[in-house]
Amino acid sequence: MQAHVIRRPNPETFEGKTYSLRPNSAISDEYYETVRRLTENLLRSFPNEQELLAKLQVLGHHKRALRRLLTNEIHSNDSQLLKTLRTSLNPFTSGVQSHLRSLRGFDRWSRTLTMSEEQYHLAMVEIELVNRIYAAQFRSCGKKYAFLPHCLRDLGAECRSAQRDIDYVCKGCSESCNVNHASKTLRLHGVKPYIWMTADLSALFRKVKKEGNSMGVLGIACVPELVRGMRMCLKHDVPVVGIPLDANRCARWWGEFHWNTVNLEKLESLLKN
């Protein structure tokens, strides 16, 4: 099965506010290979995937402690882990420091907007690890839902998505729309795609479980939103997988929308392996 071919913007102009998974390329394959190798190497120092996942999540909750670990003269396993992540993933997070310096007013209190570069690196590996742990369980679920960001839509076309039972559904009105291409890929693998606008996921989880069905969730979002959404799903014992947007380019970050992409080949690989 071939992934859908999509229009690619000039890679030299494809930047995110804080991160870009393809800073110098038309595709993000290099990022996914980097994070795959990095995760494999880290797992050699941990007895199992769940222990590494717990370590990443604990470290990611303490921004100030992360800074101390990197500046402290005393070497520890945690500081070495952070330095390893920084060496491999720095090329993909070059915008974080300038973004943090630019924050004003209430934006400085937003957990999403204020993620540090170290937290980005931990989140990137966490997403990769959660996919490894839960992909098979997700694929075996009786009901599978995907929630896509509206910032993937074709900005040059009038979106004709319509609200259905859970949330908005893509109507396939533009061949240049990445929501359209992702939705087609998801449907081919038995996953119901929605554009996340109004859905209450906690209520959905309760409803499906009450009906006695198993359910899994696939998310596509920028790194900060995706990692938090995946954690929320796991707290509800819902198998979850996710694909990060190739960059954060929506109005929340820039004040206006910029055309965005997601790695559809990686999405299809996650669905069929």
C-alpha atoms as a PDB file:
ATOM      1  CA  MET A   1       0.000   0.000   0.000  1.00  0.00           C
ATOM      2  CA  GLN A   2       1.478   3.324  -1.037  1.00  0.00           C
ATOM      3  CA  ALA A   3       1.236   6.402   1.175  1.00  0.00           C
ATOM      4  CA  HIS A   4      -0.491   9.410  -0.313  1.00  0.00           C
ATOM      5  CA  VAL A   5       1.808  11.862  -2.068  1.00  0.00           C
ATOM      6  CA  ILE A   6       1.419  15.429  -0.843  1.00  0.00           C
ATOM      7  CA  ARG A   7       2.649  18.835  -1.934  1.00  0.00           C
ATOM      8  CA  ARG A   8       5.813  19.864  -0.055  1.00  0.00           C
ATOM      9  CA  PRO A   9       6.690  23.467   0.749  1.00  0.00           C
ATOM     10  CA  ASN A  10      10.213  24.770   0.302  1.00  0.00           C
ATOM     11  CA  PRO A  11      12.241  23.144   3.132  1.00  0.00           C
ATOM     12  CA  GLU A  12      14.251  26.335   3.584  1.00  0.00           C
ATOM     13  CA  THR A  13      11.097  28.165   4.683  1.00  0.00           C
ATOM     14  CA  PHE A  14       9.661  25.327   6.761  1.00  0.00           C
ATOM     15  CA  GLU A  15      10.353  26.386  10.318  1.00  0.00           C
ATOM     16  CA  GLY A  16       8.451  25.939  13.534  1.00  0.00           C
ATOM     17  CA  LYS A  17       8.214  28.410  16.362  1.00  0.00           C
ATOM     18  CA  THR A  18      10.202  26.102  18.627  1.00  0.00           C
ATOM     19  CA  TYR A  19      10.923  22.916  16.685  1.00  0.00           C
ATOM     20  CA  SER A  20      11.058  21.487  13.184  1.00  0.00           C
ATOM     21  CA  LEU A  21      11.400  17.778  12.456  1.00  0.00           C
ATOM     22  CA  ARG A  22      12.716  18.580   8.991  1.00  0.00           C
ATOM     23  CA  PRO A  23      14.832  21.719   9.359  1.00  0.00           C
ATOM     24  CA  ASN A  24      16.822  21.128   6.160  1.00  0.00           C
ATOM     25  CA  SER A  25      14.796  18.574   4.270  1.00  0.00           C
ATOM     26  CA  ALA A  26      11.509  18.120   2.454  1.00  0.00           C
ATOM     27  CA  ILE A  27      10.679  15.120   4.701  1.00  0.00           C
ATOM     28  CA  SER A  28      11.212  14.287   8.376  1.00  0.00           C
ATOM     29  CA  ASP A  29      12.714  10.812   7.916  1.00  0.00           C
ATOM     30  CA  GLU A  30      16.042  11.869   9.435  1.00  0.00           C
ATOM     31  CA  TYR A  31      14.325  12.914  12.660  1.00  0.00           C
ATOM     32  CA  TYR A  32      12.469   9.607  12.986  1.00  0.00           C
ATOM     33  CA  GLU A  33      15.644   7.618  12.375  1.00  0.00           C
ATOM     34  CA  THR A  34      17.490   9.751  14.933  1.00  0.00           C
ATOM     35  CA  VAL A  35      14.868   9.309  17.649  1.00  0.00           C
ATOM     36  CA  ARG A  36      14.583   5.584  16.872  1.00  0.00           C
ATOM     37  CA  ARG A  37      18.331   5.008  17.274  1.00  0.00           C
ATOM     38  CA  LEU A  38      18.439   7.192  20.361  1.00  0.00           C
ATOM     39  CA  THR A  39      15.631   5.241  22.027  1.00  0.00           C
ATOM     40  CA  GLU A  40      17.273   1.921  21.167  1.00  0.00           C
ATOM     41  CA  ASN A  41      20.509   3.086  22.784  1.00  0.00           C
ATOM     42  CA  LEU A  42      18.748   4.330  25.919  1.00  0.00           C
ATOM     43  CA  LEU A  43      16.916   1.038  26.354  1.00  0.00           C
ATOM     44  CA  ARG A  44      20.241  -0.736  26.746  1.00  0.00           C
ATOM     45  CA  SER A  45      20.586   0.978  30.131  1.00  0.00           C
ATOM     46  CA  PHE A  46      17.067   0.183  31.367  1.00  0.00           C
ATOM     47  CA  PRO A  47      15.533  -3.198  32.218  1.00  0.00           C
ATOM     48  CA  ASN A  48      12.372  -2.489  30.229  1.00  0.00           C
ATOM     49  CA  GLU A  49      10.490   0.130  28.227  1.00  0.00           C
ATOM     50  CA  GLN A  50       8.103   1.032  31.049  1.00  0.00           C
ATOM     51  CA  GLU A  51      10.956   1.931  33.385  1.00  0.00           C
ATOM     52  CA  LEU A  52      12.496   4.237  30.785  1.00  0.00           C
ATOM     53  CA  LEU A  53       9.077   5.793  30.141  1.00  0.00           C
ATOM     54  CA  ALA A  54       8.631   6.484  33.859  1.00  0.00           C
ATOM     55  CA  LYS A  55      12.082   8.075  34.021  1.00  0.00           C
ATOM     56  CA  LEU A  56      11.349  10.384  31.090  1.00  0.00           C
ATOM     57  CA  GLN A  57       8.006  11.457  32.547  1.00  0.00           C
ATOM     58  CA  VAL A  58       9.422  12.193  36.002  1.00  0.00           C
ATOM     59  CA  LEU A  59      12.302  14.222  34.598  1.00  0.00           C
ATOM     60  CA  GLY A  60      10.006  16.149  32.267  1.00  0.00           C
ATOM     61  CA  HIS A  61       7.851  17.470  35.117  1.00  0.00           C
ATOM     62  CA  HIS A  62      10.662  19.448  36.756  1.00  0.00           C
ATOM     63  CA  LYS A  63      12.000  22.202  34.508  1.00  0.00           C
ATOM     64  CA  ARG A  64      14.265  23.822  37.112  1.00  0.00           C
ATOM     65  CA  ALA A  65      15.725  20.470  38.123  1.00  0.00           C
ATOM     66  CA  LEU A  66      16.573  19.830  34.462  1.00  0.00           C
ATOM     67  CA  ARG A  67      18.589  23.056  34.317  1.00  0.00           C
ATOM     68  CA  ARG A  68      20.455  22.127  37.481  1.00  0.00           C
ATOM     69  CA  LEU A  69      21.265  18.678  36.116  1.00  0.00           C
ATOM     70  CA  LEU A  70      22.818  20.213  33.006  1.00  0.00           C
ATOM     71  CA  THR A  71      24.816  22.906  34.819  1.00  0.00           C
ATOM     72  CA  ASN A  72      25.899  20.908  37.872  1.00  0.00           C
ATOM     73  CA  GLU A  73      29.521  19.835  37.904  1.00  0.00           C
ATOM     74  CA  ILE A  74      28.544  16.521  39.516  1.00  0.00           C
ATOM     75  CA  HIS A  75      27.928  13.873  36.872  1.00  0.00           C
ATOM     76  CA  SER A  76      24.901  11.616  37.303  1.00  0.00           C
ATOM     77  CA  ASN A  77      22.957   9.159  35.191  1.00  0.00           C
ATOM     78  CA  ASP A  78      20.192  11.727  34.749  1.00  0.00           C
ATOM     79  CA  SER A  79      22.541  14.499  33.642  1.00  0.00           C
ATOM     80  CA  GLN A  80      24.223  12.124  31.216  1.00  0.00           C
ATOM     81  CA  LEU A  81      20.825  11.138  29.790  1.00  0.00           C
ATOM     82  CA  LEU A  82      19.925  14.800  29.211  1.00  0.00           C
ATOM     83  CA  LYS A  83      23.244  15.530  27.544  1.00  0.00           C
ATOM     84  CA  THR A  84      22.800  12.510  25.283  1.00  0.00           C
ATOM     85  CA  LEU A  85      19.357  13.741  24.246  1.00  0.00           C
ATOM     86  CA  ARG A  86      20.660  17.252  23.648  1.00  0.00           C
ATOM     87  CA  THR A  87      23.494  16.045  21.416  1.00  0.00           C
ATOM     88  CA  SER A  88      21.127  14.073  19.183  1.00  0.00           C
ATOM     89  CA  LEU A  89      18.016  16.267  19.161  1.00  0.00           C
ATOM     90  CA  ASN A  90      19.351  19.842  19.295  1.00  0.00           C
ATOM     91  CA  PRO A  91      19.175  20.232  15.482  1.00  0.00           C
ATOM     92  CA  PHE A  92      15.388  19.842  15.678  1.00  0.00           C
ATOM     93  CA  THR A  93      14.744  22.321  18.528  1.00  0.00           C
ATOM     94  CA  SER A  94      16.766  25.352  17.469  1.00  0.00           C
ATOM     95  CA  GLY A  95      13.926  27.817  17.973  1.00  0.00           C
ATOM     96  CA  VAL A  96      13.112  27.051  21.616  1.00  0.00           C
ATOM     97  CA  GLN A  97      15.466  29.523  23.322  1.00  0.00           C
ATOM     98  CA  SER A  98      14.501  32.537  21.204  1.00  0.00           C
ATOM     99  CA  HIS A  99      10.818  31.664  21.626  1.00  0.00           C
ATOM    100  CA  LEU A 100      11.120  31.524  25.426  1.00  0.00           C
ATOM    101  CA  ARG A 101      12.867  34.892  25.493  1.00  0.00           C
ATOM    102  CA  SER A 102      10.032  36.419  23.440  1.00  0.00           C
ATOM    103  CA  LEU A 103       7.183  35.363  25.760  1.00  0.00           C
ATOM    104  CA  ARG A 104       5.208  38.147  27.389  1.00  0.00           C
ATOM    105  CA  GLY A 105       2.294  38.460  29.794  1.00  0.00           C
ATOM    106  CA  PHE A 106       0.114  35.447  30.467  1.00  0.00           C
ATOM    107  CA  ASP A 107       1.978  33.381  27.862  1.00  0.00           C
ATOM    108  CA  ARG A 108       4.785  32.986  30.404  1.00  0.00           C
ATOM    109  CA  TRP A 109       2.413  30.885  32.546  1.00  0.00           C
ATOM    110  CA  SER A 110       1.365  28.475  29.805  1.00  0.00           C
ATOM    111  CA  ARG A 111       2.763  24.966  30.290  1.00  0.00           C
ATOM    112  CA  THR A 112       2.529  24.387  26.550  1.00  0.00           C
ATOM    113  CA  LEU A 113       4.218  27.598  25.414  1.00  0.00           C
ATOM    114  CA  THR A 114       6.952  27.516  28.070  1.00  0.00           C
ATOM    115  CA  MET A 115       8.363  24.023  27.539  1.00  0.00           C
ATOM    116  CA  SER A 116      12.152  24.118  27.775  1.00  0.00           C
ATOM    117  CA  GLU A 117      14.460  22.588  25.206  1.00  0.00           C
ATOM    118  CA  GLU A 118      15.245  19.730  27.618  1.00  0.00           C
ATOM    119  CA  GLN A 119      11.521  19.051  28.022  1.00  0.00           C
ATOM    120  CA  TYR A 120      11.128  18.937  24.241  1.00  0.00           C
ATOM    121  CA  HIS A 121      13.888  16.332  23.988  1.00  0.00           C
ATOM    122  CA  LEU A 122      12.349  14.193  26.733  1.00  0.00           C
ATOM    123  CA  ALA A 123       8.915  14.481  25.108  1.00  0.00           C
ATOM    124  CA  MET A 124      10.235  13.435  21.700  1.00  0.00           C
ATOM    125  CA  VAL A 125      11.672  10.217  23.097  1.00  0.00           C
ATOM    126  CA  GLU A 126       8.558   9.686  25.240  1.00  0.00           C
ATOM    127  CA  ILE A 127       6.340   9.797  22.139  1.00  0.00           C
ATOM    128  CA  GLU A 128       8.579   7.283  20.372  1.00  0.00           C
ATOM    129  CA  LEU A 129       8.561   5.016  23.418  1.00  0.00           C
ATOM    130  CA  VAL A 130       4.784   5.147  23.932  1.00  0.00           C
ATOM    131  CA  ASN A 131       4.348   4.168  20.270  1.00  0.00           C
ATOM    132  CA  ARG A 132       6.627   1.177  20.781  1.00  0.00           C
ATOM    133  CA  ILE A 133       4.796   0.051  23.894  1.00  0.00           C
ATOM    134  CA  TYR A 134       1.186   0.557  22.831  1.00  0.00           C
ATOM    135  CA  ALA A 135       1.064   0.284  19.012  1.00  0.00           C
ATOM    136  CA  ALA A 136       0.081  -3.388  18.916  1.00  0.00           C
ATOM    137  CA  GLN A 137      -2.550  -2.908  21.616  1.00  0.00           C
ATOM    138  CA  PHE A 138      -3.939   0.109  19.775  1.00  0.00           C
ATOM    139  CA  ARG A 139      -4.240  -1.824  16.517  1.00  0.00           C
ATOM    140  CA  SER A 140      -6.138  -4.652  18.261  1.00  0.00           C
ATOM    141  CA  CYS A 141      -8.813  -2.382  19.759  1.00  0.00           C
ATOM    142  CA  GLY A 142     -12.419  -2.777  18.648  1.00  0.00           C
ATOM    143  CA  LYS A 143     -12.843   0.965  18.183  1.00  0.00           C
ATOM    144  CA  LYS A 144     -10.006   3.172  16.994  1.00  0.00           C
ATOM    145  CA  TYR A 145     -10.252   6.945  16.829  1.00  0.00           C
ATOM    146  CA  ALA A 146      -7.826   9.523  15.485  1.00  0.00           C
ATOM    147  CA  PHE A 147      -7.846  13.212  16.359  1.00  0.00           C
ATOM    148  CA  LEU A 148      -6.193  15.551  13.857  1.00  0.00           C
ATOM    149  CA  PRO A 149      -5.380  19.253  14.239  1.00  0.00           C
ATOM    150  CA  HIS A 150      -7.207  21.711  12.001  1.00  0.00           C
ATOM    151  CA  CYS A 151      -3.856  23.427  11.313  1.00  0.00           C
ATOM    152  CA  LEU A 152      -3.079  20.615   8.829  1.00  0.00           C
ATOM    153  CA  ARG A 153      -5.810  21.805   6.494  1.00  0.00           C
ATOM    154  CA  ASP A 154      -5.267  23.467   3.109  1.00  0.00           C
ATOM    155  CA  LEU A 155      -5.078  27.161   3.979  1.00  0.00           C
ATOM    156  CA  GLY A 156      -5.893  28.142   0.398  1.00  0.00           C
ATOM    157  CA  ALA A 157      -9.241  26.343   0.304  1.00  0.00           C
ATOM    158  CA  GLU A 158     -12.526  26.792   2.142  1.00  0.00           C
ATOM    159  CA  CYS A 159     -12.776  23.918   4.619  1.00  0.00           C
ATOM    160  CA  ARG A 160     -16.049  22.002   4.238  1.00  0.00           C
ATOM    161  CA  SER A 161     -15.622  19.708   7.225  1.00  0.00           C
ATOM    162  CA  ALA A 162     -18.873  18.851   8.991  1.00  0.00           C
ATOM    163  CA  GLN A 163     -19.696  17.991  12.589  1.00  0.00           C
ATOM    164  CA  ARG A 164     -20.656  14.387  13.158  1.00  0.00           C
ATOM    165  CA  ASP A 165     -21.211  12.190  16.218  1.00  0.00           C
ATOM    166  CA  ILE A 166     -17.967  13.015  18.042  1.00  0.00           C
ATOM    167  CA  ASP A 167     -16.379  15.949  16.271  1.00  0.00           C
ATOM    168  CA  TYR A 168     -15.727  17.441  12.827  1.00  0.00           C
ATOM    169  CA  VAL A 169     -15.017  15.106   9.899  1.00  0.00           C
ATOM    170  CA  CYS A 170     -12.983  15.909   6.787  1.00  0.00           C
ATOM    171  CA  LYS A 171     -15.062  15.935   3.577  1.00  0.00           C
ATOM    172  CA  GLY A 172     -12.073  15.591   1.235  1.00  0.00           C
ATOM    173  CA  CYS A 173     -12.684  18.890  -0.512  1.00  0.00           C
ATOM    174  CA  SER A 174      -9.024  19.634  -1.379  1.00  0.00           C
ATOM    175  CA  GLU A 175      -6.305  17.398  -2.770  1.00  0.00           C
ATOM    176  CA  SER A 176      -3.706  19.723  -1.201  1.00  0.00           C
ATOM    177  CA  CYS A 177      -5.137  19.265   2.298  1.00  0.00           C
ATOM    178  CA  ASN A 178      -3.067  17.180   4.690  1.00  0.00           C
ATOM    179  CA  VAL A 179      -6.106  16.540   6.890  1.00  0.00           C
ATOM    180  CA  ASN A 180      -7.632  14.912   3.801  1.00  0.00           C
ATOM    181  CA  HIS A 181      -4.557  12.745   3.123  1.00  0.00           C
ATOM    182  CA  ALA A 182      -4.148  11.695   6.757  1.00  0.00           C
ATOM    183  CA  SER A 183      -7.872  10.882   6.995  1.00  0.00           C
ATOM    184  CA  LYS A 184      -7.684   8.633   3.922  1.00  0.00           C
ATOM    185  CA  THR A 185      -4.699   6.765   5.353  1.00  0.00           C
ATOM    186  CA  LEU A 186      -6.447   6.293   8.692  1.00  0.00           C
ATOM    187  CA  ARG A 187      -9.696   5.039   7.162  1.00  0.00           C
ATOM    188  CA  LEU A 188      -7.806   2.453   5.112  1.00  0.00           C
ATOM    189  CA  HIS A 189      -6.620   0.972   8.425  1.00  0.00           C
ATOM    190  CA  GLY A 190      -9.973   0.999  10.183  1.00  0.00           C
ATOM    191  CA  VAL A 191      -9.402   4.157  12.201  1.00  0.00           C
ATOM    192  CA  LYS A 192     -12.127   6.821  12.383  1.00  0.00           C
ATOM    193  CA  PRO A 193     -10.516  10.251  11.885  1.00  0.00           C
ATOM    194  CA  TYR A 194     -11.839  13.454  13.379  1.00  0.00           C
ATOM    195  CA  ILE A 195     -10.651  17.047  13.342  1.00  0.00           C
ATOM    196  CA  TRP A 196     -10.377  17.840  17.028  1.00  0.00           C
ATOM    197  CA  MET A 197     -12.471  20.931  17.704  1.00  0.00           C
ATOM    198  CA  THR A 198     -15.070  20.173  20.407  1.00  0.00           C
ATOM    199  CA  ALA A 199     -14.704  16.514  21.453  1.00  0.00           C
ATOM    200  CA  ASP A 200     -14.640  15.704  25.177  1.00  0.00           C
ATOM    201  CA  LEU A 201     -12.235  12.770  25.280  1.00  0.00           C
ATOM    202  CA  SER A 202     -12.878  11.896  28.923  1.00  0.00           C
ATOM    203  CA  ALA A 203     -16.613  11.602  28.203  1.00  0.00           C
ATOM    204  CA  LEU A 204     -15.879   9.540  25.092  1.00  0.00           C
ATOM    205  CA  PHE A 205     -13.682   7.149  27.085  1.00  0.00           C
ATOM    206  CA  ARG A 206     -16.425   6.610  29.671  1.00  0.00           C
ATOM    207  CA  LYS A 207     -19.097   6.073  27.013  1.00  0.00           C
ATOM    208  CA  VAL A 208     -17.134   3.501  24.993  1.00  0.00           C
ATOM    209  CA  LYS A 209     -16.028   1.583  28.090  1.00  0.00           C
ATOM    210  CA  LYS A 210     -19.591   1.559  29.425  1.00  0.00           C
ATOM    211  CA  GLU A 211     -20.650  -0.045  26.140  1.00  0.00           C
ATOM    212  CA  GLY A 212     -18.094  -2.782  26.755  1.00  0.00           C
ATOM    213  CA  ASN A 213     -15.896  -1.930  23.779  1.00  0.00           C
ATOM    214  CA  SER A 214     -12.124  -1.664  23.694  1.00  0.00           C
ATOM    215  CA  MET A 215     -10.863   1.582  22.234  1.00  0.00           C
ATOM    216  CA  GLY A 216      -7.595   3.148  21.163  1.00  0.00           C
ATOM    217  CA  VAL A 217      -6.621   6.690  20.249  1.00  0.00           C
ATOM    218  CA  LEU A 218      -4.188   8.086  17.713  1.00  0.00           C
ATOM    219  CA  GLY A 219      -3.187  11.707  18.003  1.00  0.00           C
ATOM    220  CA  ILE A 220      -1.504  14.139  15.636  1.00  0.00           C
ATOM    221  CA  ALA A 221      -0.402  17.415  17.202  1.00  0.00           C
ATOM    222  CA  CYS A 222       2.610  19.567  17.959  1.00  0.00           C
ATOM    223  CA  VAL A 223       5.058  17.966  20.384  1.00  0.00           C
ATOM    224  CA  PRO A 224       3.857  19.717  23.589  1.00  0.00           C
ATOM    225  CA  GLU A 225       0.167  19.043  22.900  1.00  0.00           C
ATOM    226  CA  LEU A 226       0.762  15.488  21.714  1.00  0.00           C
ATOM    227  CA  VAL A 227       2.781  14.325  24.701  1.00  0.00           C
ATOM    228  CA  ARG A 228       0.226  15.743  27.133  1.00  0.00           C
ATOM    229  CA  GLY A 229      -2.647  14.159  25.230  1.00  0.00           C
ATOM    230  CA  MET A 230      -0.910  10.787  25.256  1.00  0.00           C
ATOM    231  CA  ARG A 231      -0.387  11.003  29.015  1.00  0.00           C
ATOM    232  CA  MET A 232      -4.057  11.803  29.501  1.00  0.00           C
ATOM    233  CA  CYS A 233      -5.098   8.746  27.468  1.00  0.00           C
ATOM    234  CA  LEU A 234      -2.812   6.460  29.458  1.00  0.00           C
ATOM    235  CA  LYS A 235      -4.248   7.778  32.740  1.00  0.00           C
ATOM    236  CA  HIS A 236      -7.609   6.529  31.461  1.00  0.00           C
ATOM    237  CA  ASP A 237      -6.054   3.161  30.474  1.00  0.00           C
ATOM    238  CA  VAL A 238      -6.637   3.899  26.791  1.00  0.00           C
ATOM    239  CA  PRO A 239      -3.941   2.564  24.417  1.00  0.00           C
ATOM    240  CA  VAL A 240      -2.559   5.532  22.541  1.00  0.00           C
ATOM    241  CA  VAL A 241      -0.116   6.261  19.741  1.00  0.00           C
ATOM    242  CA  GLY A 242       0.836   9.527  18.127  1.00  0.00           C
ATOM    243  CA  ILE A 243       2.642  11.329  15.339  1.00  0.00           C
ATOM    244  CA  PRO A 244       4.016  14.829  15.938  1.00  0.00           C
ATOM    245  CA  LEU A 245       3.432  17.559  13.403  1.00  0.00           C
ATOM    246  CA  ASP A 246       6.567  18.306  11.419  1.00  0.00           C
ATOM    247  CA  ALA A 247       6.673  21.727  13.147  1.00  0.00           C
ATOM    248  CA  ASN A 248       4.518  23.979  15.302  1.00  0.00           C
ATOM    249  CA  ARG A 249       3.208  26.517  12.783  1.00  0.00           C
ATOM    250  CA  CYS A 250      -0.315  27.443  13.946  1.00  0.00           C
ATOM    251  CA  ALA A 251      -1.749  30.735  15.187  1.00  0.00           C
ATOM    252  CA  ARG A 252      -1.204  29.821  18.826  1.00  0.00           C
ATOM    253  CA  TRP A 253       2.524  30.010  18.223  1.00  0.00           C
ATOM    254  CA  TRP A 254       2.855  32.551  15.390  1.00  0.00           C
ATOM    255  CA  GLY A 255      -0.289  34.656  15.626  1.00  0.00           C
ATOM    256  CA  GLU A 256      -1.281  33.310  12.196  1.00  0.00           C
ATOM    257  CA  PHE A 257      -1.452  29.943  10.462  1.00  0.00           C
ATOM    258  CA  HIS A 258       1.313  28.575   8.242  1.00  0.00           C
ATOM    259  CA  TRP A 259       0.933  25.533   5.995  1.00  0.00           C
ATOM    260  CA  ASN A 260       1.936  22.383   7.889  1.00  0.00           C
ATOM    261  CA  THR A 261       2.749  18.733   7.243  1.00  0.00           C
ATOM    262  CA  VAL A 262       2.962  15.408   9.020  1.00  0.00           C
ATOM    263  CA  ASN A 263       4.992  12.382   7.970  1.00  0.00           C
ATOM    264  CA  LEU A 264       2.333  10.207   6.309  1.00  0.00           C
ATOM    265  CA  GLU A 265       4.783   7.381   5.666  1.00  0.00           C
ATOM    266  CA  LYS A 266       5.516   7.198   9.401  1.00  0.00           C
ATOM    267  CA  LEU A 267       1.779   7.319  10.121  1.00  0.00           C
ATOM    268  CA  GLU A 268       1.094   4.398   7.790  1.00  0.00           C
ATOM    269  CA  SER A 269       3.998   2.419   9.244  1.00  0.00           C
ATOM    270  CA  LEU A 270       2.586   2.876  12.733  1.00  0.00           C
ATOM    271  CA  LEU A 271      -0.817   1.651  11.599  1.00  0.00           C
ATOM    272  CA  LYS A 272       0.203  -1.486   9.743  1.00  0.00           C
ATOM    273  CA  ASN A 273       3.294  -2.941  11.493  1.00  0.00           C
END
